[in-house]
Amino acid sequence: VRYKYTPAVSGRQLKISGIPSTAAKETIFEICMEFGDPTKSWIIYDRSGEHSGAGCVIMQTAEQAKEAVRSLNGKVIRGVTLRAELDSVTQVPHKIVSSGHDARDEDRMML
């Protein structure tokens, strides 16, 4: 699967660090549902393909993103303390689906 990347969604995108390596994009999506309507989530992987312990979520509004940052920063989930911040740097991955590729592959961002 190949990806194209677009600029970060300023004001509505948050980056969550300290997430367990077993967490999937659905995990951080569901966590953020408490604060509004997430529209996209993805996990960030390092160049070797390993889970980096971070992911991003785009919320419907800037207010929802700010509330998620306030509430998640310092929250302990599965014994791990999360760090959350508004993110205007991390590019948004979009799958480029061509014949022979499975469109269900997980969105991922390679560092």
PDB file of N, CA and C in Angstrom:
ATOM      1  N   VAL A   1       0.856  -1.174   0.000  1.00  0.00           N
ATOM      2  CA  VAL A   1       0.000   0.000   0.000  1.00  0.00           C
ATOM      3  C   VAL A   1       0.893   1.225   0.000  1.00  0.00           C
ATOM      4  N   ARG A   2       0.586   2.169  -0.830  1.00  0.00           N
ATOM      5  CA  ARG A   2       1.309   3.438  -0.876  1.00  0.00           C
ATOM      6  C   ARG A   2       0.425   4.512  -0.265  1.00  0.00           C
ATOM      7  N   TYR A   3       1.070   5.582   0.201  1.00  0.00           N
ATOM      8  CA  TYR A   3       0.351   6.669   0.844  1.00  0.00           C
ATOM      9  C   TYR A   3       0.756   7.994   0.242  1.00  0.00           C
ATOM     10  N   LYS A   4      -0.178   8.912   0.200  1.00  0.00           N
ATOM     11  CA  LYS A   4       0.154  10.305  -0.072  1.00  0.00           C
ATOM     12  C   LYS A   4      -0.137  11.051   1.227  1.00  0.00           C
ATOM     13  N   TYR A   5       0.490  12.177   1.400  1.00  0.00           N
ATOM     14  CA  TYR A   5       0.345  12.929   2.648  1.00  0.00           C
ATOM     15  C   TYR A   5      -0.089  14.353   2.342  1.00  0.00           C
ATOM     16  N   THR A   6      -0.988  14.866   3.155  1.00  0.00           N
ATOM     17  CA  THR A   6      -1.436  16.248   3.033  1.00  0.00           C
ATOM     18  C   THR A   6      -1.078  16.982   4.326  1.00  0.00           C
ATOM     19  N   PRO A   7      -1.057  18.308   4.279  1.00  0.00           N
ATOM     20  CA  PRO A   7      -0.686  19.067   5.483  1.00  0.00           C
ATOM     21  C   PRO A   7      -1.602  18.771   6.664  1.00  0.00           C
ATOM     22  N   ALA A   8      -1.064  18.993   7.854  1.00  0.00           N
ATOM     23  CA  ALA A   8      -1.841  18.821   9.087  1.00  0.00           C
ATOM     24  C   ALA A   8      -3.079  19.702   9.047  1.00  0.00           C
ATOM     25  N   VAL A   9      -4.106  19.288   9.758  1.00  0.00           N
ATOM     26  CA  VAL A   9      -5.353  20.036   9.841  1.00  0.00           C
ATOM     27  C   VAL A   9      -5.243  20.958  11.059  1.00  0.00           C
ATOM     28  N   SER A  10      -4.815  22.168  10.821  1.00  0.00           N
ATOM     29  CA  SER A  10      -4.536  23.117  11.901  1.00  0.00           C
ATOM     30  C   SER A  10      -5.763  23.390  12.761  1.00  0.00           C
ATOM     31  N   GLY A  11      -5.564  23.315  14.069  1.00  0.00           N
ATOM     32  CA  GLY A  11      -6.628  23.624  15.019  1.00  0.00           C
ATOM     33  C   GLY A  11      -7.539  22.474  15.373  1.00  0.00           C
ATOM     34  N   ARG A  12      -7.621  21.457  14.512  1.00  0.00           N
ATOM     35  CA  ARG A  12      -8.525  20.328  14.778  1.00  0.00           C
ATOM     36  C   ARG A  12      -7.779  19.020  14.965  1.00  0.00           C
ATOM     37  N   GLN A  13      -6.471  19.027  14.736  1.00  0.00           N
ATOM     38  CA  GLN A  13      -5.683  17.810  14.805  1.00  0.00           C
ATOM     39  C   GLN A  13      -4.915  17.758  16.114  1.00  0.00           C
ATOM     40  N   LEU A  14      -4.978  16.604  16.790  1.00  0.00           N
ATOM     41  CA  LEU A  14      -4.200  16.454  18.003  1.00  0.00           C
ATOM     42  C   LEU A  14      -3.314  15.237  17.895  1.00  0.00           C
ATOM     43  N   LYS A  15      -2.186  15.303  18.586  1.00  0.00           N
ATOM     44  CA  LYS A  15      -1.240  14.198  18.643  1.00  0.00           C
ATOM     45  C   LYS A  15      -1.253  13.664  20.058  1.00  0.00           C
ATOM     46  N   ILE A  16      -1.376  12.353  20.182  1.00  0.00           N
ATOM     47  CA  ILE A  16      -1.412  11.694  21.480  1.00  0.00           C
ATOM     48  C   ILE A  16      -0.166  10.809  21.568  1.00  0.00           C
ATOM     49  N   SER A  17       0.654  11.044  22.574  1.00  0.00           N
ATOM     50  CA  SER A  17       1.876  10.264  22.788  1.00  0.00           C
ATOM     51  C   SER A  17       1.728   9.440  24.054  1.00  0.00           C
ATOM     52  N   GLY A  18       2.525   8.391  24.150  1.00  0.00           N
ATOM     53  CA  GLY A  18       2.485   7.529  25.325  1.00  0.00           C
ATOM     54  C   GLY A  18       1.434   6.444  25.221  1.00  0.00           C
ATOM     55  N   ILE A  19       0.904   6.222  24.026  1.00  0.00           N
ATOM     56  CA  ILE A  19      -0.111   5.175  23.891  1.00  0.00           C
ATOM     57  C   ILE A  19       0.570   3.809  23.835  1.00  0.00           C
ATOM     58  N   PRO A  20      -0.056   2.778  24.379  1.00  0.00           N
ATOM     59  CA  PRO A  20       0.545   1.440  24.376  1.00  0.00           C
ATOM     60  C   PRO A  20       0.785   0.944  22.949  1.00  0.00           C
ATOM     61  N   SER A  21       1.822   0.162  22.771  1.00  0.00           N
ATOM     62  CA  SER A  21       2.168  -0.341  21.439  1.00  0.00           C
ATOM     63  C   SER A  21       1.105  -1.288  20.887  1.00  0.00           C
ATOM     64  N   THR A  22       0.217  -1.753  21.741  1.00  0.00           N
ATOM     65  CA  THR A  22      -0.864  -2.638  21.293  1.00  0.00           C
ATOM     66  C   THR A  22      -2.085  -1.851  20.799  1.00  0.00           C
ATOM     67  N   ALA A  23      -2.075  -0.532  21.002  1.00  0.00           N
ATOM     68  CA  ALA A  23      -3.226   0.283  20.607  1.00  0.00           C
ATOM     69  C   ALA A  23      -3.287   0.442  19.092  1.00  0.00           C
ATOM     70  N   ALA A  24      -4.487   0.397  18.558  1.00  0.00           N
ATOM     71  CA  ALA A  24      -4.724   0.593  17.130  1.00  0.00           C
ATOM     72  C   ALA A  24      -5.376   1.959  16.917  1.00  0.00           C
ATOM     73  N   LYS A  25      -5.500   2.348  15.651  1.00  0.00           N
ATOM     74  CA  LYS A  25      -6.114   3.647  15.356  1.00  0.00           C
ATOM     75  C   LYS A  25      -7.543   3.716  15.901  1.00  0.00           C
ATOM     76  N   GLU A  26      -8.235   2.581  15.939  1.00  0.00           N
ATOM     77  CA  GLU A  26      -9.599   2.557  16.464  1.00  0.00           C
ATOM     78  C   GLU A  26      -9.623   2.890  17.955  1.00  0.00           C
ATOM     79  N   THR A  27      -8.561   2.495  18.659  1.00  0.00           N
ATOM     80  CA  THR A  27      -8.479   2.759  20.094  1.00  0.00           C
ATOM     81  C   THR A  27      -8.463   4.253  20.370  1.00  0.00           C
ATOM     82  N   ILE A  28      -7.591   4.989  19.679  1.00  0.00           N
ATOM     83  CA  ILE A  28      -7.523   6.434  19.939  1.00  0.00           C
ATOM     84  C   ILE A  28      -8.748   7.155  19.379  1.00  0.00           C
ATOM     85  N   PHE A  29      -9.332   6.619  18.311  1.00  0.00           N
ATOM     86  CA  PHE A  29     -10.573   7.180  17.768  1.00  0.00           C
ATOM     87  C   PHE A  29     -11.678   7.097  18.822  1.00  0.00           C
ATOM     88  N   GLU A  30     -11.841   5.904  19.422  1.00  0.00           N
ATOM     89  CA  GLU A  30     -12.880   5.689  20.428  1.00  0.00           C
ATOM     90  C   GLU A  30     -12.645   6.524  21.682  1.00  0.00           C
ATOM     91  N   ILE A  31     -11.393   6.662  22.098  1.00  0.00           N
ATOM     92  CA  ILE A  31     -11.081   7.501  23.260  1.00  0.00           C
ATOM     93  C   ILE A  31     -11.531   8.929  23.014  1.00  0.00           C
ATOM     94  N   CYS A  32     -11.331   9.427  21.805  1.00  0.00           N
ATOM     95  CA  CYS A  32     -11.667  10.821  21.486  1.00  0.00           C
ATOM     96  C   CYS A  32     -13.162  11.049  21.254  1.00  0.00           C
ATOM     97  N   MET A  33     -13.936   9.988  21.084  1.00  0.00           N
ATOM     98  CA  MET A  33     -15.383  10.141  20.898  1.00  0.00           C
ATOM     99  C   MET A  33     -16.041  10.792  22.116  1.00  0.00           C
ATOM    100  N   GLU A  34     -15.409  10.640  23.262  1.00  0.00           N
ATOM    101  CA  GLU A  34     -15.924  11.254  24.489  1.00  0.00           C
ATOM    102  C   GLU A  34     -15.953  12.779  24.397  1.00  0.00           C
ATOM    103  N   PHE A  35     -15.139  13.352  23.519  1.00  0.00           N
ATOM    104  CA  PHE A  35     -14.989  14.805  23.436  1.00  0.00           C
ATOM    105  C   PHE A  35     -15.625  15.404  22.192  1.00  0.00           C
ATOM    106  N   GLY A  36     -16.269  14.590  21.379  1.00  0.00           N
ATOM    107  CA  GLY A  36     -16.912  15.107  20.177  1.00  0.00           C
ATOM    108  C   GLY A  36     -16.878  14.082  19.067  1.00  0.00           C
ATOM    109  N   ASP A  37     -16.690  14.574  17.859  1.00  0.00           N
ATOM    110  CA  ASP A  37     -16.762  13.727  16.674  1.00  0.00           C
ATOM    111  C   ASP A  37     -15.416  13.642  15.969  1.00  0.00           C
ATOM    112  N   PRO A  38     -14.623  12.616  16.268  1.00  0.00           N
ATOM    113  CA  PRO A  38     -13.383  12.439  15.516  1.00  0.00           C
ATOM    114  C   PRO A  38     -13.702  12.061  14.074  1.00  0.00           C
ATOM    115  N   THR A  39     -12.911  12.552  13.133  1.00  0.00           N
ATOM    116  CA  THR A  39     -13.168  12.243  11.731  1.00  0.00           C
ATOM    117  C   THR A  39     -12.128  11.301  11.138  1.00  0.00           C
ATOM    118  N   LYS A  40     -10.933  11.233  11.760  1.00  0.00           N
ATOM    119  CA  LYS A  40      -9.871  10.355  11.257  1.00  0.00           C
ATOM    120  C   LYS A  40      -8.869  10.138  12.381  1.00  0.00           C
ATOM    121  N   SER A  41      -8.274   8.954  12.402  1.00  0.00           N
ATOM    122  CA  SER A  41      -7.209   8.671  13.359  1.00  0.00           C
ATOM    123  C   SER A  41      -6.184   7.780  12.681  1.00  0.00           C
ATOM    124  N   TRP A  42      -4.945   7.863  13.149  1.00  0.00           N
ATOM    125  CA  TRP A  42      -3.909   6.996  12.641  1.00  0.00           C
ATOM    126  C   TRP A  42      -2.799   6.856  13.677  1.00  0.00           C
ATOM    127  N   ILE A  43      -2.055   5.788  13.546  1.00  0.00           N
ATOM    128  CA  ILE A  43      -0.916   5.493  14.411  1.00  0.00           C
ATOM    129  C   ILE A  43       0.346   5.897  13.660  1.00  0.00           C
ATOM    130  N   ILE A  44       1.325   6.410  14.378  1.00  0.00           N
ATOM    131  CA  ILE A  44       2.600   6.780  13.772  1.00  0.00           C
ATOM    132  C   ILE A  44       3.582   5.634  14.003  1.00  0.00           C
ATOM    133  N   TYR A  45       4.227   5.176  12.924  1.00  0.00           N
ATOM    134  CA  TYR A  45       5.203   4.094  12.972  1.00  0.00           C
ATOM    135  C   TYR A  45       6.583   4.639  12.622  1.00  0.00           C
ATOM    136  N   ASP A  46       7.631   4.038  13.181  1.00  0.00           N
ATOM    137  CA  ASP A  46       8.975   4.468  12.813  1.00  0.00           C
ATOM    138  C   ASP A  46       9.368   3.812  11.490  1.00  0.00           C
ATOM    139  N   ARG A  47      10.537   4.138  10.988  1.00  0.00           N
ATOM    140  CA  ARG A  47      10.956   3.647   9.668  1.00  0.00           C
ATOM    141  C   ARG A  47      11.085   2.122   9.602  1.00  0.00           C
ATOM    142  N   SER A  48      11.288   1.493  10.746  1.00  0.00           N
ATOM    143  CA  SER A  48      11.390   0.028  10.752  1.00  0.00           C
ATOM    144  C   SER A  48      10.016  -0.640  10.808  1.00  0.00           C
ATOM    145  N   GLY A  49       8.954   0.178  10.884  1.00  0.00           N
ATOM    146  CA  GLY A  49       7.598  -0.369  10.928  1.00  0.00           C
ATOM    147  C   GLY A  49       7.085  -0.621  12.326  1.00  0.00           C
ATOM    148  N   GLU A  50       7.863  -0.205  13.337  1.00  0.00           N
ATOM    149  CA  GLU A  50       7.450  -0.397  14.725  1.00  0.00           C
ATOM    150  C   GLU A  50       6.538   0.737  15.187  1.00  0.00           C
ATOM    151  N   HIS A  51       5.568   0.405  15.987  1.00  0.00           N
ATOM    152  CA  HIS A  51       4.647   1.366  16.603  1.00  0.00           C
ATOM    153  C   HIS A  51       5.467   2.362  17.423  1.00  0.00           C
ATOM    154  N   SER A  52       5.283   3.652  17.208  1.00  0.00           N
ATOM    155  CA  SER A  52       6.102   4.670  17.889  1.00  0.00           C
ATOM    156  C   SER A  52       5.548   5.083  19.254  1.00  0.00           C
ATOM    157  N   GLY A  53       4.345   4.596  19.586  1.00  0.00           N
ATOM    158  CA  GLY A  53       3.722   5.012  20.842  1.00  0.00           C
ATOM    159  C   GLY A  53       2.980   6.326  20.714  1.00  0.00           C
ATOM    160  N   ALA A  54       2.728   6.745  19.473  1.00  0.00           N
ATOM    161  CA  ALA A  54       2.006   8.004  19.240  1.00  0.00           C
ATOM    162  C   ALA A  54       1.014   7.820  18.100  1.00  0.00           C
ATOM    163  N   GLY A  55       0.014   8.673  18.108  1.00  0.00           N
ATOM    164  CA  GLY A  55      -0.973   8.673  17.044  1.00  0.00           C
ATOM    165  C   GLY A  55      -1.629  10.032  16.963  1.00  0.00           C
ATOM    166  N   CYS A  56      -2.387  10.243  15.908  1.00  0.00           N
ATOM    167  CA  CYS A  56      -3.067  11.522  15.700  1.00  0.00           C
ATOM    168  C   CYS A  56      -4.554  11.296  15.470  1.00  0.00           C
ATOM    169  N   VAL A  57      -5.320  12.297  15.838  1.00  0.00           N
ATOM    170  CA  VAL A  57      -6.769  12.274  15.639  1.00  0.00           C
ATOM    171  C   VAL A  57      -7.177  13.645  15.122  1.00  0.00           C
ATOM    172  N   ILE A  58      -8.063  13.666  14.145  1.00  0.00           N
ATOM    173  CA  ILE A  58      -8.652  14.918  13.671  1.00  0.00           C
ATOM    174  C   ILE A  58     -10.073  14.969  14.204  1.00  0.00           C
ATOM    175  N   MET A  59     -10.379  16.044  14.901  1.00  0.00           N
ATOM    176  CA  MET A  59     -11.717  16.233  15.454  1.00  0.00           C
ATOM    177  C   MET A  59     -12.540  17.108  14.510  1.00  0.00           C
ATOM    178  N   GLN A  60     -13.858  17.075  14.666  1.00  0.00           N
ATOM    179  CA  GLN A  60     -14.764  17.846  13.817  1.00  0.00           C
ATOM    180  C   GLN A  60     -14.553  19.349  13.982  1.00  0.00           C
ATOM    181  N   THR A  61     -14.301  19.804  15.212  1.00  0.00           N
ATOM    182  CA  THR A  61     -14.125  21.236  15.449  1.00  0.00           C
ATOM    183  C   THR A  61     -12.872  21.489  16.293  1.00  0.00           C
ATOM    184  N   ALA A  62     -12.390  22.722  16.241  1.00  0.00           N
ATOM    185  CA  ALA A  62     -11.239  23.120  17.057  1.00  0.00           C
ATOM    186  C   ALA A  62     -11.571  23.041  18.544  1.00  0.00           C
ATOM    187  N   GLU A  63     -12.803  23.356  18.914  1.00  0.00           N
ATOM    188  CA  GLU A  63     -13.213  23.295  20.317  1.00  0.00           C
ATOM    189  C   GLU A  63     -13.140  21.861  20.840  1.00  0.00           C
ATOM    190  N   GLN A  64     -13.581  20.902  20.027  1.00  0.00           N
ATOM    191  CA  GLN A  64     -13.510  19.498  20.422  1.00  0.00           C
ATOM    192  C   GLN A  64     -12.059  19.058  20.580  1.00  0.00           C
ATOM    193  N   ALA A  65     -11.190  19.507  19.684  1.00  0.00           N
ATOM    194  CA  ALA A  65      -9.773  19.153  19.767  1.00  0.00           C
ATOM    195  C   ALA A  65      -9.151  19.714  21.039  1.00  0.00           C
ATOM    196  N   LYS A  66      -9.466  20.963  21.365  1.00  0.00           N
ATOM    197  CA  LYS A  66      -8.926  21.585  22.582  1.00  0.00           C
ATOM    198  C   LYS A  66      -9.416  20.860  23.832  1.00  0.00           C
ATOM    199  N   GLU A  67     -10.679  20.469  23.856  1.00  0.00           N
ATOM    200  CA  GLU A  67     -11.229  19.738  25.002  1.00  0.00           C
ATOM    201  C   GLU A  67     -10.556  18.377  25.135  1.00  0.00           C
ATOM    202  N   ALA A  68     -10.323  17.704  24.017  1.00  0.00           N
ATOM    203  CA  ALA A  68      -9.646  16.405  24.057  1.00  0.00           C
ATOM    204  C   ALA A  68      -8.234  16.564  24.614  1.00  0.00           C
ATOM    205  N   VAL A  69      -7.512  17.594  24.188  1.00  0.00           N
ATOM    206  CA  VAL A  69      -6.155  17.832  24.693  1.00  0.00           C
ATOM    207  C   VAL A  69      -6.191  18.083  26.194  1.00  0.00           C
ATOM    208  N   ARG A  70      -7.103  18.952  26.636  1.00  0.00           N
ATOM    209  CA  ARG A  70      -7.212  19.262  28.078  1.00  0.00           C
ATOM    210  C   ARG A  70      -7.499  18.008  28.893  1.00  0.00           C
ATOM    211  N   SER A  71      -8.388  17.188  28.400  1.00  0.00           N
ATOM    212  CA  SER A  71      -8.824  16.013  29.164  1.00  0.00           C
ATOM    213  C   SER A  71      -7.853  14.839  29.085  1.00  0.00           C
ATOM    214  N   LEU A  72      -7.180  14.668  27.964  1.00  0.00           N
ATOM    215  CA  LEU A  72      -6.317  13.503  27.783  1.00  0.00           C
ATOM    216  C   LEU A  72      -4.904  13.712  28.312  1.00  0.00           C
ATOM    217  N   ASN A  73      -4.449  14.957  28.349  1.00  0.00           N
ATOM    218  CA  ASN A  73      -3.079  15.216  28.784  1.00  0.00           C
ATOM    219  C   ASN A  73      -2.916  14.807  30.249  1.00  0.00           C
ATOM    220  N   GLY A  74      -2.079  13.811  30.506  1.00  0.00           N
ATOM    221  CA  GLY A  74      -1.856  13.313  31.856  1.00  0.00           C
ATOM    222  C   GLY A  74      -2.777  12.178  32.269  1.00  0.00           C
ATOM    223  N   LYS A  75      -3.752  11.811  31.432  1.00  0.00           N
ATOM    224  CA  LYS A  75      -4.674  10.722  31.752  1.00  0.00           C
ATOM    225  C   LYS A  75      -3.936   9.385  31.668  1.00  0.00           C
ATOM    226  N   VAL A  76      -4.229   8.506  32.606  1.00  0.00           N
ATOM    227  CA  VAL A  76      -3.599   7.186  32.629  1.00  0.00           C
ATOM    228  C   VAL A  76      -4.561   6.172  32.015  1.00  0.00           C
ATOM    229  N   ILE A  77      -4.096   5.483  30.977  1.00  0.00           N
ATOM    230  CA  ILE A  77      -4.880   4.438  30.311  1.00  0.00           C
ATOM    231  C   ILE A  77      -3.992   3.209  30.209  1.00  0.00           C
ATOM    232  N   ARG A  78      -4.495   2.071  30.704  1.00  0.00           N
ATOM    233  CA  ARG A  78      -3.747   0.808  30.689  1.00  0.00           C
ATOM    234  C   ARG A  78      -2.379   0.971  31.351  1.00  0.00           C
ATOM    235  N   GLY A  79      -2.329   1.791  32.391  1.00  0.00           N
ATOM    236  CA  GLY A  79      -1.096   1.979  33.148  1.00  0.00           C
ATOM    237  C   GLY A  79      -0.087   2.918  32.520  1.00  0.00           C
ATOM    238  N   VAL A  80      -0.469   3.590  31.444  1.00  0.00           N
ATOM    239  CA  VAL A  80       0.433   4.493  30.740  1.00  0.00           C
ATOM    240  C   VAL A  80      -0.144   5.908  30.780  1.00  0.00           C
ATOM    241  N   THR A  81       0.711   6.893  31.060  1.00  0.00           N
ATOM    242  CA  THR A  81       0.276   8.291  31.086  1.00  0.00           C
ATOM    243  C   THR A  81       0.346   8.881  29.679  1.00  0.00           C
ATOM    244  N   LEU A  82      -0.775   9.415  29.223  1.00  0.00           N
ATOM    245  CA  LEU A  82      -0.850  10.004  27.889  1.00  0.00           C
ATOM    246  C   LEU A  82      -0.383  11.458  27.903  1.00  0.00           C
ATOM    247  N   ARG A  83       0.150  11.885  26.782  1.00  0.00           N
ATOM    248  CA  ARG A  83       0.455  13.288  26.535  1.00  0.00           C
ATOM    249  C   ARG A  83      -0.308  13.678  25.278  1.00  0.00           C
ATOM    250  N   ALA A  84      -1.020  14.782  25.353  1.00  0.00           N
ATOM    251  CA  ALA A  84      -1.810  15.225  24.201  1.00  0.00           C
ATOM    252  C   ALA A  84      -1.503  16.683  23.917  1.00  0.00           C
ATOM    253  N   GLU A  85      -1.465  17.023  22.644  1.00  0.00           N
ATOM    254  CA  GLU A  85      -1.207  18.400  22.236  1.00  0.00           C
ATOM    255  C   GLU A  85      -1.840  18.649  20.879  1.00  0.00           C
ATOM    256  N   LEU A  86      -2.190  19.912  20.625  1.00  0.00           N
ATOM    257  CA  LEU A  86      -2.642  20.261  19.289  1.00  0.00           C
ATOM    258  C   LEU A  86      -1.456  20.090  18.356  1.00  0.00           C
ATOM    259  N   ASP A  87      -1.711  19.597  17.168  1.00  0.00           N
ATOM    260  CA  ASP A  87      -0.639  19.248  16.234  1.00  0.00           C
ATOM    261  C   ASP A  87      -0.868  19.945  14.903  1.00  0.00           C
ATOM    262  N   SER A  88       0.064  20.787  14.523  1.00  0.00           N
ATOM    263  CA  SER A  88      -0.036  21.452  13.227  1.00  0.00           C
ATOM    264  C   SER A  88       1.138  21.057  12.331  1.00  0.00           C
ATOM    265  N   VAL A  89       1.825  19.962  12.685  1.00  0.00           N
ATOM    266  CA  VAL A  89       3.025  19.551  11.961  1.00  0.00           C
ATOM    267  C   VAL A  89       2.854  18.211  11.247  1.00  0.00           C
ATOM    268  N   THR A  90       2.340  17.195  11.947  1.00  0.00           N
ATOM    269  CA  THR A  90       2.275  15.837  11.406  1.00  0.00           C
ATOM    270  C   THR A  90       1.349  15.781  10.198  1.00  0.00           C
ATOM    271  N   GLN A  91       1.883  15.320   9.072  1.00  0.00           N
ATOM    272  CA  GLN A  91       1.082  15.233   7.861  1.00  0.00           C
ATOM    273  C   GLN A  91       0.051  14.112   7.979  1.00  0.00           C
ATOM    274  N   VAL A  92      -1.049  14.272   7.249  1.00  0.00           N
ATOM    275  CA  VAL A  92      -2.160  13.321   7.286  1.00  0.00           C
ATOM    276  C   VAL A  92      -1.973  12.278   6.181  1.00  0.00           C
ATOM    277  N   PRO A  93      -1.908  10.981   6.553  1.00  0.00           N
ATOM    278  CA  PRO A  93      -1.747   9.939   5.529  1.00  0.00           C
ATOM    279  C   PRO A  93      -3.076   9.593   4.860  1.00  0.00           C
ATOM    280  N   HIS A  94      -3.009   9.332   3.562  1.00  0.00           N
ATOM    281  CA  HIS A  94      -4.174   8.879   2.795  1.00  0.00           C
ATOM    282  C   HIS A  94      -3.708   7.716   1.936  1.00  0.00           C
ATOM    283  N   LYS A  95      -4.396   6.594   2.020  1.00  0.00           N
ATOM    284  CA  LYS A  95      -4.032   5.427   1.215  1.00  0.00           C
ATOM    285  C   LYS A  95      -4.256   5.714  -0.270  1.00  0.00           C
ATOM    286  N   ILE A  96      -3.307   5.240  -1.061  1.00  0.00           N
ATOM    287  CA  ILE A  96      -3.484   5.225  -2.507  1.00  0.00           C
ATOM    288  C   ILE A  96      -3.776   3.777  -2.840  1.00  0.00           C
ATOM    289  N   VAL A  97      -4.998   3.489  -3.209  1.00  0.00           N
ATOM    290  CA  VAL A  97      -5.409   2.112  -3.452  1.00  0.00           C
ATOM    291  C   VAL A  97      -5.325   1.833  -4.945  1.00  0.00           C
ATOM    292  N   SER A  98      -4.571   0.816  -5.287  1.00  0.00           N
ATOM    293  CA  SER A  98      -4.496   0.385  -6.674  1.00  0.00           C
ATOM    294  C   SER A  98      -4.787  -1.109  -6.708  1.00  0.00           C
ATOM    295  N   SER A  99      -4.901  -1.660  -7.885  1.00  0.00           N
ATOM    296  CA  SER A  99      -5.246  -3.080  -7.981  1.00  0.00           C
ATOM    297  C   SER A  99      -4.215  -3.929  -7.248  1.00  0.00           C
ATOM    298  N   GLY A 100      -4.709  -4.944  -6.565  1.00  0.00           N
ATOM    299  CA  GLY A 100      -3.837  -5.840  -5.834  1.00  0.00           C
ATOM    300  C   GLY A 100      -3.577  -5.424  -4.402  1.00  0.00           C
ATOM    301  N   HIS A 101      -4.088  -4.280  -3.979  1.00  0.00           N
ATOM    302  CA  HIS A 101      -3.880  -3.818  -2.606  1.00  0.00           C
ATOM    303  C   HIS A 101      -5.189  -3.874  -1.840  1.00  0.00           C
ATOM    304  N   ASP A 102      -5.093  -4.147  -0.583  1.00  0.00           N
ATOM    305  CA  ASP A 102      -6.253  -4.252   0.289  1.00  0.00           C
ATOM    306  C   ASP A 102      -6.562  -2.890   0.889  1.00  0.00           C
ATOM    307  N   ALA A 103      -7.694  -2.318   0.574  1.00  0.00           N
ATOM    308  CA  ALA A 103      -8.080  -0.983   1.056  1.00  0.00           C
ATOM    309  C   ALA A 103      -8.318  -0.961   2.556  1.00  0.00           C
ATOM    310  N   ARG A 104      -8.373  -2.140   3.196  1.00  0.00           N
ATOM    311  CA  ARG A 104      -8.617  -2.179   4.639  1.00  0.00           C
ATOM    312  C   ARG A 104      -7.337  -2.021   5.446  1.00  0.00           C
ATOM    313  N   ASP A 105      -6.178  -1.948   4.792  1.00  0.00           N
ATOM    314  CA  ASP A 105      -4.925  -1.771   5.535  1.00  0.00           C
ATOM    315  C   ASP A 105      -5.018  -0.543   6.409  1.00  0.00           C
ATOM    316  N   GLU A 106      -4.376  -0.634   7.561  1.00  0.00           N
ATOM    317  CA  GLU A 106      -4.420   0.439   8.559  1.00  0.00           C
ATOM    318  C   GLU A 106      -3.720   1.696   8.059  1.00  0.00           C
ATOM    319  N   ASP A 107      -4.337   2.868   8.310  1.00  0.00           N
ATOM    320  CA  ASP A 107      -3.664   4.122   8.022  1.00  0.00           C
ATOM    321  C   ASP A 107      -2.431   4.182   8.902  1.00  0.00           C
ATOM    322  N   ARG A 108      -1.331   4.587   8.345  1.00  0.00           N
ATOM    323  CA  ARG A 108      -0.109   4.681   9.123  1.00  0.00           C
ATOM    324  C   ARG A 108       0.730   5.830   8.601  1.00  0.00           C
ATOM    325  N   MET A 109       1.455   6.382   9.517  1.00  0.00           N
ATOM    326  CA  MET A 109       2.370   7.472   9.204  1.00  0.00           C
ATOM    327  C   MET A 109       3.760   6.981   9.548  1.00  0.00           C
ATOM    328  N   MET A 110       4.671   7.027   8.604  1.00  0.00           N
ATOM    329  CA  MET A 110       6.043   6.597   8.853  1.00  0.00           C
ATOM    330  C   MET A 110       6.869   7.824   9.210  1.00  0.00           C
ATOM    331  N   LEU A 111       7.659   7.713  10.277  1.00  0.00           N
ATOM    332  CA  LEU A 111       8.543   8.805  10.691  1.00  0.00           C
ATOM    333  C   LEU A 111       9.782   8.812   9.832  1.00  0.00           C
TER     334      LEU A 111
END
